Amino acid sequence: MKLSFNNKSKGSIKKNILFVCVENAGRSQMAEGLFRKYAPSDYEPISAGTVPKSQINPLAAEAMREIGIDIGSQKPKELSEEMIKNADKIINMGCMGKNFCPTLFVPKVLDWGIEDPKGKPIEKVREIRNEIERKIKEMVEEIGKENMNN
């Protein structure tokens, strides 16, 4: 899979990677934390949701703490036009309710189709975390290749 990052932000210091889902309480928050850990310093992750919850899924936060990443202080955020406009790349984590699926509102989005950890036992949340981590590492590797070619 080839990821291409637009170069609209060449003049700015950081390239913004936007992770979106519906509630911004699990998958996209985990992706933000993992991307922050693995990505080059000139990239800035942000996550948001179309219908954000009031707090992070506690099991998602627990699963991330197990691998040394604290997302417990992150807050769910509502997806805004400004976030979309400023993003160099937008990744949809997956959809629960099709009525609020970010792909309905966001153009040119990469859809990862990751299962929602909501209501799942910690073992399943760990599996979801590991899948997100694998995809983040692949993405960071692709960024590294692109940066070498520029």
Foldseek 3Di string as FASTA:
>chain_A
DADDFDCPCVVPQAAEEEEEEAAQAALRLLLQQLLVVQADPRYHYDYEHQHHDAAHDVLRQVLCVVVPTGSRPPGHHHDDPVSLVRHRAYEYAAYDDPVRRCPVPHPPHHYPHQDDCPPPDSVVSNVSSVVSNVVSNVVRVSVVVVVVVD
